[in-house]
mmCIF file of all heavy atoms, coordinates in Angstrom:
data_MODEL
# 
_entry.id   MODEL 
# 
loop_
_atom_site.group_PDB 
_atom_site.id 
_atom_site.type_symbol 
_atom_site.label_atom_id 
_atom_site.label_alt_id 
_atom_site.label_comp_id 
_atom_site.label_asym_id 
_atom_site.label_entity_id 
_atom_site.label_seq_id 
_atom_site.pdbx_PDB_ins_code 
_atom_site.Cartn_x 
_atom_site.Cartn_y 
_atom_site.Cartn_z 
_atom_site.occupancy 
_atom_site.B_iso_or_equiv 
_atom_site.pdbx_formal_charge 
_atom_site.auth_seq_id 
_atom_site.auth_comp_id 
_atom_site.auth_asym_id 
_atom_site.auth_atom_id 
_atom_site.pdbx_PDB_model_num 
ATOM 1   N N   . ASP A 1 1  ? 10.467 -20.716 -10.623 1.00 0.00 ? 1  ASP A N   1 
ATOM 2   C CA  . ASP A 1 1  ? 9.946  -19.817 -9.590  1.00 0.00 ? 1  ASP A CA  1 
ATOM 3   C C   . ASP A 1 1  ? 9.852  -18.369 -10.058 1.00 0.00 ? 1  ASP A C   1 
ATOM 4   O O   . ASP A 1 1  ? 8.914  -17.648 -9.702  1.00 0.00 ? 1  ASP A O   1 
ATOM 5   C CB  . ASP A 1 1  ? 10.797 -19.916 -8.327  1.00 0.00 ? 1  ASP A CB  1 
ATOM 6   C CG  . ASP A 1 1  ? 12.268 -19.588 -8.560  1.00 0.00 ? 1  ASP A CG  1 
ATOM 7   O OD1 . ASP A 1 1  ? 12.753 -19.800 -9.694  1.00 0.00 ? 1  ASP A OD1 1 
ATOM 8   O OD2 . ASP A 1 1  ? 12.930 -19.136 -7.614  1.00 0.00 ? 1  ASP A OD2 1 
ATOM 9   N N   . THR A 1 2  ? 10.792 -17.947 -10.882 1.00 0.00 ? 2  THR A N   1 
ATOM 10  C CA  . THR A 1 2  ? 10.775 -16.561 -11.370 1.00 0.00 ? 2  THR A CA  1 
ATOM 11  C C   . THR A 1 2  ? 9.946  -16.405 -12.640 1.00 0.00 ? 2  THR A C   1 
ATOM 12  O O   . THR A 1 2  ? 9.671  -15.287 -13.067 1.00 0.00 ? 2  THR A O   1 
ATOM 13  C CB  . THR A 1 2  ? 12.198 -16.099 -11.681 1.00 0.00 ? 2  THR A CB  1 
ATOM 14  O OG1 . THR A 1 2  ? 12.723 -16.905 -12.734 1.00 0.00 ? 2  THR A OG1 1 
ATOM 15  C CG2 . THR A 1 2  ? 13.086 -16.197 -10.452 1.00 0.00 ? 2  THR A CG2 1 
ATOM 16  N N   . GLY A 1 3  ? 9.571  -17.510 -13.242 1.00 0.00 ? 3  GLY A N   1 
ATOM 17  C CA  . GLY A 1 3  ? 8.884  -17.459 -14.530 1.00 0.00 ? 3  GLY A CA  1 
ATOM 18  C C   . GLY A 1 3  ? 9.819  -17.352 -15.712 1.00 0.00 ? 3  GLY A C   1 
ATOM 19  O O   . GLY A 1 3  ? 9.369  -17.278 -16.853 1.00 0.00 ? 3  GLY A O   1 
ATOM 20  N N   . GLY A 1 4  ? 11.109 -17.375 -15.450 1.00 0.00 ? 4  GLY A N   1 
ATOM 21  C CA  . GLY A 1 4  ? 12.068 -17.171 -16.510 1.00 0.00 ? 4  GLY A CA  1 
ATOM 22  C C   . GLY A 1 4  ? 12.338 -18.377 -17.382 1.00 0.00 ? 4  GLY A C   1 
ATOM 23  O O   . GLY A 1 4  ? 12.860 -18.253 -18.488 1.00 0.00 ? 4  GLY A O   1 
ATOM 24  N N   . SER A 1 5  ? 11.971 -19.560 -16.884 1.00 0.00 ? 5  SER A N   1 
ATOM 25  C CA  . SER A 1 5  ? 12.198 -20.788 -17.652 1.00 0.00 ? 5  SER A CA  1 
ATOM 26  C C   . SER A 1 5  ? 10.923 -21.603 -17.699 1.00 0.00 ? 5  SER A C   1 
ATOM 27  O O   . SER A 1 5  ? 10.183 -21.664 -16.714 1.00 0.00 ? 5  SER A O   1 
ATOM 28  C CB  . SER A 1 5  ? 13.302 -21.622 -17.009 1.00 0.00 ? 5  SER A CB  1 
ATOM 29  O OG  . SER A 1 5  ? 14.522 -20.926 -16.995 1.00 0.00 ? 5  SER A OG  1 
ATOM 30  N N   . THR A 1 6  ? 10.714 -22.224 -18.851 1.00 0.00 ? 6  THR A N   1 
ATOM 31  C CA  . THR A 1 6  ? 9.549  -23.086 -19.019 1.00 0.00 ? 6  THR A CA  1 
ATOM 32  C C   . THR A 1 6  ? 9.967  -24.385 -19.685 1.00 0.00 ? 6  THR A C   1 
ATOM 33  O O   . THR A 1 6  ? 10.985 -24.452 -20.370 1.00 0.00 ? 6  THR A O   1 
ATOM 34  C CB  . THR A 1 6  ? 8.450  -22.421 -19.870 1.00 0.00 ? 6  THR A CB  1 
ATOM 35  O OG1 . THR A 1 6  ? 9.010  -22.033 -21.133 1.00 0.00 ? 6  THR A OG1 1 
ATOM 36  C CG2 . THR A 1 6  ? 7.882  -21.199 -19.169 1.00 0.00 ? 6  THR A CG2 1 
ATOM 37  N N   . TYR A 1 7  ? 9.152  -25.389 -19.472 1.00 0.00 ? 7  TYR A N   1 
ATOM 38  C CA  . TYR A 1 7  ? 9.357  -26.698 -20.097 1.00 0.00 ? 7  TYR A CA  1 
ATOM 39  C C   . TYR A 1 7  ? 7.998  -27.192 -20.554 1.00 0.00 ? 7  TYR A C   1 
ATOM 40  O O   . TYR A 1 7  ? 7.008  -27.078 -19.834 1.00 0.00 ? 7  TYR A O   1 
ATOM 41  C CB  . TYR A 1 7  ? 9.957  -27.674 -19.088 1.00 0.00 ? 7  TYR A CB  1 
ATOM 42  C CG  . TYR A 1 7  ? 10.033 -29.088 -19.594 1.00 0.00 ? 7  TYR A CG  1 
ATOM 43  C CD1 . TYR A 1 7  ? 11.158 -29.534 -20.282 1.00 0.00 ? 7  TYR A CD1 1 
ATOM 44  C CD2 . TYR A 1 7  ? 8.972  -29.987 -19.411 1.00 0.00 ? 7  TYR A CD2 1 
ATOM 45  C CE1 . TYR A 1 7  ? 11.220 -30.833 -20.774 1.00 0.00 ? 7  TYR A CE1 1 
ATOM 46  C CE2 . TYR A 1 7  ? 9.038  -31.272 -19.898 1.00 0.00 ? 7  TYR A CE2 1 
ATOM 47  C CZ  . TYR A 1 7  ? 10.177 -31.697 -20.571 1.00 0.00 ? 7  TYR A CZ  1 
ATOM 48  O OH  . TYR A 1 7  ? 10.229 -32.972 -21.055 1.00 0.00 ? 7  TYR A OH  1 
ATOM 49  N N   . TYR A 1 8  ? 7.952  -27.762 -21.763 1.00 0.00 ? 8  TYR A N   1 
ATOM 50  C CA  . TYR A 1 8  ? 6.716  -28.315 -22.314 1.00 0.00 ? 8  TYR A CA  1 
ATOM 51  C C   . TYR A 1 8  ? 6.953  -29.716 -22.818 1.00 0.00 ? 8  TYR A C   1 
ATOM 52  O O   . TYR A 1 8  ? 8.007  -30.017 -23.379 1.00 0.00 ? 8  TYR A O   1 
ATOM 53  C CB  . TYR A 1 8  ? 6.199  -27.458 -23.467 1.00 0.00 ? 8  TYR A CB  1 
ATOM 54  C CG  . TYR A 1 8  ? 5.804  -26.056 -23.073 1.00 0.00 ? 8  TYR A CG  1 
ATOM 55  C CD1 . TYR A 1 8  ? 6.693  -24.998 -23.205 1.00 0.00 ? 8  TYR A CD1 1 
ATOM 56  C CD2 . TYR A 1 8  ? 4.532  -25.793 -22.571 1.00 0.00 ? 8  TYR A CD2 1 
ATOM 57  C CE1 . TYR A 1 8  ? 6.333  -23.705 -22.835 1.00 0.00 ? 8  TYR A CE1 1 
ATOM 58  C CE2 . TYR A 1 8  ? 4.165  -24.502 -22.205 1.00 0.00 ? 8  TYR A CE2 1 
ATOM 59  C CZ  . TYR A 1 8  ? 5.072  -23.474 -22.339 1.00 0.00 ? 8  TYR A CZ  1 
ATOM 60  O OH  . TYR A 1 8  ? 4.706  -22.199 -21.969 1.00 0.00 ? 8  TYR A OH  1 
ATOM 61  N N   . SER A 1 9  ? 5.945  -30.549 -22.646 1.00 0.00 ? 9  SER A N   1 
ATOM 62  C CA  . SER A 1 9  ? 6.006  -31.866 -23.263 1.00 0.00 ? 9  SER A CA  1 
ATOM 63  C C   . SER A 1 9  ? 5.783  -31.718 -24.758 1.00 0.00 ? 9  SER A C   1 
ATOM 64  O O   . SER A 1 9  ? 5.179  -30.739 -25.227 1.00 0.00 ? 9  SER A O   1 
ATOM 65  C CB  . SER A 1 9  ? 4.946  -32.780 -22.662 1.00 0.00 ? 9  SER A CB  1 
ATOM 66  O OG  . SER A 1 9  ? 3.648  -32.326 -23.014 1.00 0.00 ? 9  SER A OG  1 
ATOM 67  N N   . ASP A 1 10 ? 6.234  -32.684 -25.498 1.00 0.00 ? 10 ASP A N   1 
ATOM 68  C CA  . ASP A 1 10 ? 6.062  -32.639 -26.954 1.00 0.00 ? 10 ASP A CA  1 
ATOM 69  C C   . ASP A 1 10 ? 4.585  -32.628 -27.341 1.00 0.00 ? 10 ASP A C   1 
ATOM 70  O O   . ASP A 1 10 ? 4.221  -32.082 -28.382 1.00 0.00 ? 10 ASP A O   1 
ATOM 71  C CB  . ASP A 1 10 ? 6.759  -33.838 -27.603 1.00 0.00 ? 10 ASP A CB  1 
ATOM 72  C CG  . ASP A 1 10 ? 8.266  -33.723 -27.553 1.00 0.00 ? 10 ASP A CG  1 
ATOM 73  O OD1 . ASP A 1 10 ? 8.787  -32.606 -27.344 1.00 0.00 ? 10 ASP A OD1 1 
ATOM 74  O OD2 . ASP A 1 10 ? 8.939  -34.761 -27.720 1.00 0.00 ? 10 ASP A OD2 1 
ATOM 75  N N   . SER A 1 11 ? 3.762  -33.226 -26.514 1.00 0.00 ? 11 SER A N   1 
ATOM 76  C CA  . SER A 1 11 ? 2.342  -33.346 -26.854 1.00 0.00 ? 11 SER A CA  1 
ATOM 77  C C   . SER A 1 11 ? 1.610  -32.001 -26.845 1.00 0.00 ? 11 SER A C   1 
ATOM 78  O O   . SER A 1 11 ? 0.548  -31.873 -27.456 1.00 0.00 ? 11 SER A O   1 
ATOM 79  C CB  . SER A 1 11 ? 1.650  -34.307 -25.882 1.00 0.00 ? 11 SER A CB  1 
ATOM 80  O OG  . SER A 1 11 ? 1.757  -33.829 -24.551 1.00 0.00 ? 11 SER A OG  1 
ATOM 81  N N   . VAL A 1 12 ? 2.158  -30.992 -26.154 1.00 0.00 ? 12 VAL A N   1 
ATOM 82  C CA  . VAL A 1 12 ? 1.463  -29.707 -26.072 1.00 0.00 ? 12 VAL A CA  1 
ATOM 83  C C   . VAL A 1 12 ? 2.307  -28.539 -26.585 1.00 0.00 ? 12 VAL A C   1 
ATOM 84  O O   . VAL A 1 12 ? 1.800  -27.414 -26.694 1.00 0.00 ? 12 VAL A O   1 
ATOM 85  C CB  . VAL A 1 12 ? 0.999  -29.393 -24.635 1.00 0.00 ? 12 VAL A CB  1 
ATOM 86  C CG1 . VAL A 1 12 ? 0.160  -30.534 -24.089 1.00 0.00 ? 12 VAL A CG1 1 
ATOM 87  C CG2 . VAL A 1 12 ? 2.174  -29.101 -23.720 1.00 0.00 ? 12 VAL A CG2 1 
ATOM 88  N N   . LYS A 1 13 ? 3.557  -28.796 -26.890 1.00 0.00 ? 13 LYS A N   1 
ATOM 89  C CA  . LYS A 1 13 ? 4.464  -27.719 -27.300 1.00 0.00 ? 13 LYS A CA  1 
ATOM 90  C C   . LYS A 1 13 ? 3.896  -26.996 -28.517 1.00 0.00 ? 13 LYS A C   1 
ATOM 91  O O   . LYS A 1 13 ? 3.465  -27.626 -29.484 1.00 0.00 ? 13 LYS A O   1 
ATOM 92  C CB  . LYS A 1 13 ? 5.833  -28.303 -27.617 1.00 0.00 ? 13 LYS A CB  1 
ATOM 93  C CG  . LYS A 1 13 ? 6.949  -27.283 -27.707 1.00 0.00 ? 13 LYS A CG  1 
ATOM 94  C CD  . LYS A 1 13 ? 8.290  -27.988 -27.907 1.00 0.00 ? 13 LYS A CD  1 
ATOM 95  C CE  . LYS A 1 13 ? 8.649  -28.877 -26.739 1.00 0.00 ? 13 LYS A CE  1 
ATOM 96  N NZ  . LYS A 1 13 ? 9.970  -29.531 -26.919 1.00 0.00 ? 13 LYS A NZ  1 
ATOM 97  N N   . GLY A 1 14 ? 3.881  -25.682 -28.443 1.00 0.00 ? 14 GLY A N   1 
ATOM 98  C CA  . GLY A 1 14 ? 3.364  -24.879 -29.541 1.00 0.00 ? 14 GLY A CA  1 
ATOM 99  C C   . GLY A 1 14 ? 1.872  -24.598 -29.445 1.00 0.00 ? 14 GLY A C   1 
ATOM 100 O O   . GLY A 1 14 ? 1.351  -23.739 -30.173 1.00 0.00 ? 14 GLY A O   1 
ATOM 101 N N   . ARG A 1 15 ? 1.175  -25.305 -28.576 1.00 0.00 ? 15 ARG A N   1 
ATOM 102 C CA  . ARG A 1 15 ? -0.276 -25.096 -28.413 1.00 0.00 ? 15 ARG A CA  1 
ATOM 103 C C   . ARG A 1 15 ? -0.626 -24.542 -27.036 1.00 0.00 ? 15 ARG A C   1 
ATOM 104 O O   . ARG A 1 15 ? -1.580 -23.777 -26.902 1.00 0.00 ? 15 ARG A O   1 
ATOM 105 C CB  . ARG A 1 15 ? -1.030 -26.406 -28.625 1.00 0.00 ? 15 ARG A CB  1 
ATOM 106 C CG  . ARG A 1 15 ? -0.836 -27.024 -30.001 1.00 0.00 ? 15 ARG A CG  1 
ATOM 107 C CD  . ARG A 1 15 ? -1.769 -28.215 -30.202 1.00 0.00 ? 15 ARG A CD  1 
ATOM 108 N NE  . ARG A 1 15 ? -1.490 -29.299 -29.247 1.00 0.00 ? 15 ARG A NE  1 
ATOM 109 C CZ  . ARG A 1 15 ? -2.399 -29.813 -28.423 1.00 0.00 ? 15 ARG A CZ  1 
ATOM 110 N NH1 . ARG A 1 15 ? -3.640 -29.341 -28.408 1.00 0.00 ? 15 ARG A NH1 1 
ATOM 111 N NH2 . ARG A 1 15 ? -2.060 -30.805 -27.595 1.00 0.00 ? 15 ARG A NH2 1 
ATOM 112 N N   . PHE A 1 16 ? 0.116  -24.944 -26.027 1.00 0.00 ? 16 PHE A N   1 
ATOM 113 C CA  . PHE A 1 16 ? -0.162 -24.528 -24.653 1.00 0.00 ? 16 PHE A CA  1 
ATOM 114 C C   . PHE A 1 16 ? 0.925  -23.571 -24.174 1.00 0.00 ? 16 PHE A C   1 
ATOM 115 O O   . PHE A 1 16 ? 2.089  -23.687 -24.570 1.00 0.00 ? 16 PHE A O   1 
ATOM 116 C CB  . PHE A 1 16 ? -0.182 -25.734 -23.710 1.00 0.00 ? 16 PHE A CB  1 
ATOM 117 C CG  . PHE A 1 16 ? -1.334 -26.684 -23.902 1.00 0.00 ? 16 PHE A CG  1 
ATOM 118 C CD1 . PHE A 1 16 ? -2.200 -26.593 -24.982 1.00 0.00 ? 16 PHE A CD1 1 
ATOM 119 C CD2 . PHE A 1 16 ? -1.544 -27.711 -22.988 1.00 0.00 ? 16 PHE A CD2 1 
ATOM 120 C CE1 . PHE A 1 16 ? -3.250 -27.464 -25.148 1.00 0.00 ? 16 PHE A CE1 1 
ATOM 121 C CE2 . PHE A 1 16 ? -2.590 -28.593 -23.126 1.00 0.00 ? 16 PHE A CE2 1 
ATOM 122 C CZ  . PHE A 1 16 ? -3.438 -28.475 -24.214 1.00 0.00 ? 16 PHE A CZ  1 
ATOM 123 N N   . THR A 1 17 ? 0.524  -22.650 -23.287 1.00 0.00 ? 17 THR A N   1 
ATOM 124 C CA  . THR A 1 17 ? 1.471  -21.713 -22.705 1.00 0.00 ? 17 THR A CA  1 
ATOM 125 C C   . THR A 1 17 ? 1.248  -21.628 -21.209 1.00 0.00 ? 17 THR A C   1 
ATOM 126 O O   . THR A 1 17 ? 0.118  -21.372 -20.765 1.00 0.00 ? 17 THR A O   1 
ATOM 127 C CB  . THR A 1 17 ? 1.314  -20.310 -23.319 1.00 0.00 ? 17 THR A CB  1 
ATOM 128 O OG1 . THR A 1 17 ? 1.500  -20.381 -24.732 1.00 0.00 ? 17 THR A OG1 1 
ATOM 129 C CG2 . THR A 1 17 ? 2.349  -19.353 -22.734 1.00 0.00 ? 17 THR A CG2 1 
ATOM 130 N N   . ILE A 1 18 ? 2.310  -21.829 -20.446 1.00 0.00 ? 18 ILE A N   1 
ATOM 131 C CA  . ILE A 1 18 ? 2.242  -21.696 -19.004 1.00 0.00 ? 18 ILE A CA  1 
ATOM 132 C C   . ILE A 1 18 ? 2.799  -20.329 -18.610 1.00 0.00 ? 18 ILE A C   1 
ATOM 133 O O   . ILE A 1 18 ? 3.773  -19.848 -19.190 1.00 0.00 ? 18 ILE A O   1 
ATOM 134 C CB  . ILE A 1 18 ? 3.006  -22.837 -18.289 1.00 0.00 ? 18 ILE A CB  1 
ATOM 135 C CG1 . ILE A 1 18 ? 2.774  -22.792 -16.781 1.00 0.00 ? 18 ILE A CG1 1 
ATOM 136 C CG2 . ILE A 1 18 ? 4.494  -22.809 -18.631 1.00 0.00 ? 18 ILE A CG2 1 
ATOM 137 C CD1 . ILE A 1 18 ? 3.330  -24.013 -16.040 1.00 0.00 ? 18 ILE A CD1 1 
ATOM 138 N N   . SER A 1 19 ? 2.166  -19.712 -17.629 1.00 0.00 ? 19 SER A N   1 
ATOM 139 C CA  . SER A 1 19 ? 2.643  -18.428 -17.119 1.00 0.00 ? 19 SER A CA  1 
ATOM 140 C C   . SER A 1 19 ? 2.258  -18.334 -15.647 1.00 0.00 ? 19 SER A C   1 
ATOM 141 O O   . SER A 1 19 ? 1.436  -19.104 -15.169 1.00 0.00 ? 19 SER A O   1 
ATOM 142 C CB  . SER A 1 19 ? 2.043  -17.259 -17.909 1.00 0.00 ? 19 SER A CB  1 
ATOM 143 O OG  . SER A 1 19 ? 0.630  -17.250 -17.803 1.00 0.00 ? 19 SER A OG  1 
ATOM 144 N N   . ARG A 1 20 ? 2.864  -17.393 -14.957 1.00 0.00 ? 20 ARG A N   1 
ATOM 145 C CA  . ARG A 1 20 ? 2.556  -17.224 -13.548 1.00 0.00 ? 20 ARG A CA  1 
ATOM 146 C C   . ARG A 1 20 ? 2.548  -15.745 -13.193 1.00 0.00 ? 20 ARG A C   1 
ATOM 147 O O   . ARG A 1 20 ? 3.266  -14.950 -13.783 1.00 0.00 ? 20 ARG A O   1 
ATOM 148 C CB  . ARG A 1 20 ? 3.537  -17.983 -12.668 1.00 0.00 ? 20 ARG A CB  1 
ATOM 149 C CG  . ARG A 1 20 ? 4.964  -17.504 -12.720 1.00 0.00 ? 20 ARG A CG  1 
ATOM 150 C CD  . ARG A 1 20 ? 5.898  -18.471 -11.992 1.00 0.00 ? 20 ARG A CD  1 
ATOM 151 N NE  . ARG A 1 20 ? 5.676  -18.463 -10.551 1.00 0.00 ? 20 ARG A NE  1 
ATOM 152 C CZ  . ARG A 1 20 ? 6.175  -19.381 -9.726  1.00 0.00 ? 20 ARG A CZ  1 
ATOM 153 N NH1 . ARG A 1 20 ? 6.878  -20.388 -10.209 1.00 0.00 ? 20 ARG A NH1 1 
ATOM 154 N NH2 . ARG A 1 20 ? 5.965  -19.294 -8.420  1.00 0.00 ? 20 ARG A NH2 1 
ATOM 155 N N   . ASP A 1 21 ? 1.727  -15.427 -12.220 1.00 0.00 ? 21 ASP A N   1 
ATOM 156 C CA  . ASP A 1 21 ? 1.661  -14.075 -11.672 1.00 0.00 ? 21 ASP A CA  1 
ATOM 157 C C   . ASP A 1 21 ? 1.893  -14.223 -10.169 1.00 0.00 ? 21 ASP A C   1 
ATOM 158 O O   . ASP A 1 21 ? 0.968  -14.573 -9.424  1.00 0.00 ? 21 ASP A O   1 
ATOM 159 C CB  . ASP A 1 21 ? 0.291  -13.452 -11.970 1.00 0.00 ? 21 ASP A CB  1 
ATOM 160 C CG  . ASP A 1 21 ? 0.207  -11.997 -11.535 1.00 0.00 ? 21 ASP A CG  1 
ATOM 161 O OD1 . ASP A 1 21 ? 0.954  -11.593 -10.630 1.00 0.00 ? 21 ASP A OD1 1 
ATOM 162 O OD2 . ASP A 1 21 ? -0.637 -11.275 -12.085 1.00 0.00 ? 21 ASP A OD2 1 
ATOM 163 N N   . ASN A 1 22 ? 3.106  -13.978 -9.733  1.00 0.00 ? 22 ASN A N   1 
ATOM 164 C CA  . ASN A 1 22 ? 3.439  -14.186 -8.320  1.00 0.00 ? 22 ASN A CA  1 
ATOM 165 C C   . ASN A 1 22 ? 2.683  -13.232 -7.405  1.00 0.00 ? 22 ASN A C   1 
ATOM 166 O O   . ASN A 1 22 ? 2.381  -13.573 -6.263  1.00 0.00 ? 22 ASN A O   1 
ATOM 167 C CB  . ASN A 1 22 ? 4.938  -14.077 -8.108  1.00 0.00 ? 22 ASN A CB  1 
ATOM 168 C CG  . ASN A 1 22 ? 5.686  -15.313 -8.572  1.00 0.00 ? 22 ASN A CG  1 
ATOM 169 O OD1 . ASN A 1 22 ? 5.067  -16.339 -8.884  1.00 0.00 ? 22 ASN A OD1 1 
ATOM 170 N ND2 . ASN A 1 22 ? 6.996  -15.232 -8.655  1.00 0.00 ? 22 ASN A ND2 1 
ATOM 171 N N   . ALA A 1 23 ? 2.371  -12.059 -7.902  1.00 0.00 ? 23 ALA A N   1 
ATOM 172 C CA  . ALA A 1 23 ? 1.611  -11.109 -7.084  1.00 0.00 ? 23 ALA A CA  1 
ATOM 173 C C   . ALA A 1 23 ? 0.215  -11.634 -6.784  1.00 0.00 ? 23 ALA A C   1 
ATOM 174 O O   . ALA A 1 23 ? -0.354 -11.369 -5.728  1.00 0.00 ? 23 ALA A O   1 
ATOM 175 C CB  . ALA A 1 23 ? 1.537  -9.762  -7.784  1.00 0.00 ? 23 ALA A CB  1 
ATOM 176 N N   . LYS A 1 24 ? -0.328 -12.383 -7.731  1.00 0.00 ? 24 LYS A N   1 
ATOM 177 C CA  . LYS A 1 24 ? -1.667 -12.969 -7.558  1.00 0.00 ? 24 LYS A CA  1 
ATOM 178 C C   . LYS A 1 24 ? -1.594 -14.419 -7.098  1.00 0.00 ? 24 LYS A C   1 
ATOM 179 O O   . LYS A 1 24 ? -2.640 -15.067 -6.995  1.00 0.00 ? 24 LYS A O   1 
ATOM 180 C CB  . LYS A 1 24 ? -2.459 -12.891 -8.869  1.00 0.00 ? 24 LYS A CB  1 
ATOM 181 C CG  . LYS A 1 24 ? -2.756 -11.473 -9.326  1.00 0.00 ? 24 LYS A CG  1 
ATOM 182 C CD  . LYS A 1 24 ? -3.577 -11.470 -10.611 1.00 0.00 ? 24 LYS A CD  1 
ATOM 183 C CE  . LYS A 1 24 ? -3.896 -10.053 -11.032 1.00 0.00 ? 24 LYS A CE  1 
ATOM 184 N NZ  . LYS A 1 24 ? -4.679 -10.021 -12.305 1.00 0.00 ? 24 LYS A NZ  1 
ATOM 185 N N   . ILE A 1 25 ? -0.365 -14.892 -6.839  1.00 0.00 ? 25 ILE A N   1 
ATOM 186 C CA  . ILE A 1 25 ? -0.122 -16.288 -6.445  1.00 0.00 ? 25 ILE A CA  1 
ATOM 187 C C   . ILE A 1 25 ? -0.941 -17.251 -7.301  1.00 0.00 ? 25 ILE A C   1 
ATOM 188 O O   . ILE A 1 25 ? -1.593 -18.184 -6.802  1.00 0.00 ? 25 ILE A O   1 
ATOM 189 C CB  . ILE A 1 25 ? -0.342 -16.538 -4.928  1.00 0.00 ? 25 ILE A CB  1 
ATOM 190 C CG1 . ILE A 1 25 ? -1.695 -16.062 -4.447  1.00 0.00 ? 25 ILE A CG1 1 
ATOM 191 C CG2 . ILE A 1 25 ? 0.772  -15.870 -4.152  1.00 0.00 ? 25 ILE A CG2 1 
ATOM 192 C CD1 . ILE A 1 25 ? -1.964 -16.461 -2.984  1.00 0.00 ? 25 ILE A CD1 1 
ATOM 193 N N   . THR A 1 26 ? -0.857 -17.040 -8.610  1.00 0.00 ? 26 THR A N   1 
ATOM 194 C CA  . THR A 1 26 ? -1.640 -17.824 -9.563  1.00 0.00 ? 26 THR A CA  1 
ATOM 195 C C   . THR A 1 26 ? -0.763 -18.222 -10.732 1.00 0.00 ? 26 THR A C   1 
ATOM 196 O O   . THR A 1 26 ? 0.079  -17.442 -11.188 1.00 0.00 ? 26 THR A O   1 
ATOM 197 C CB  . THR A 1 26 ? -2.848 -17.013 -10.056 1.00 0.00 ? 26 THR A CB  1 
ATOM 198 O OG1 . THR A 1 26 ? -3.686 -16.688 -8.938  1.00 0.00 ? 26 THR A OG1 1 
ATOM 199 C CG2 . THR A 1 26 ? -3.662 -17.813 -11.069 1.00 0.00 ? 26 THR A CG2 1 
ATOM 200 N N   . VAL A 1 27 ? -0.975 -19.436 -11.211 1.00 0.00 ? 27 VAL A N   1 
ATOM 201 C CA  . VAL A 1 27 ? -0.330 -19.895 -12.429 1.00 0.00 ? 27 VAL A CA  1 
ATOM 202 C C   . VAL A 1 27 ? -1.423 -20.215 -13.437 1.00 0.00 ? 27 VAL A C   1 
ATOM 203 O O   . VAL A 1 27 ? -2.513 -20.658 -13.063 1.00 0.00 ? 27 VAL A O   1 
ATOM 204 C CB  . VAL A 1 27 ? 0.568  -21.124 -12.164 1.00 0.00 ? 27 VAL A CB  1 
ATOM 205 C CG1 . VAL A 1 27 ? -0.242 -22.307 -11.666 1.00 0.00 ? 27 VAL A CG1 1 
ATOM 206 C CG2 . VAL A 1 27 ? 1.362  -21.499 -13.395 1.00 0.00 ? 27 VAL A CG2 1 
ATOM 207 N N   . TYR A 1 28 ? -1.130 -19.968 -14.703 1.00 0.00 ? 28 TYR A N   1 
ATOM 208 C CA  . TYR A 1 28 ? -2.112 -20.151 -15.759 1.00 0.00 ? 28 TYR A CA  1 
ATOM 209 C C   . TYR A 1 28 ? -1.617 -21.166 -16.781 1.00 0.00 ? 28 TYR A C   1 
ATOM 210 O O   . TYR A 1 28 ? -0.415 -21.354 -16.967 1.00 0.00 ? 28 TYR A O   1 
ATOM 211 C CB  . TYR A 1 28 ? -2.365 -18.824 -16.481 1.00 0.00 ? 28 TYR A CB  1 
ATOM 212 C CG  . TYR A 1 28 ? -2.793 -17.705 -15.564 1.00 0.00 ? 28 TYR A CG  1 
ATOM 213 C CD1 . TYR A 1 28 ? -1.864 -16.765 -15.106 1.00 0.00 ? 28 TYR A CD1 1 
ATOM 214 C CD2 . TYR A 1 28 ? -4.115 -17.580 -15.149 1.00 0.00 ? 28 TYR A CD2 1 
ATOM 215 C CE1 . TYR A 1 28 ? -2.246 -15.733 -14.266 1.00 0.00 ? 28 TYR A CE1 1 
ATOM 216 C CE2 . TYR A 1 28 ? -4.501 -16.550 -14.305 1.00 0.00 ? 28 TYR A CE2 1 
ATOM 217 C CZ  . TYR A 1 28 ? -3.564 -15.640 -13.860 1.00 0.00 ? 28 TYR A CZ  1 
ATOM 218 O OH  . TYR A 1 28 ? -3.945 -14.613 -13.015 1.00 0.00 ? 28 TYR A OH  1 
# 
């Protein structure tokens, strides 16, 4: 919820990045 922790599957780790902007209520 705070963006402080992330988890990735092995299939995408190192290639994909998840992030969120709570002010824009959007996740990328």
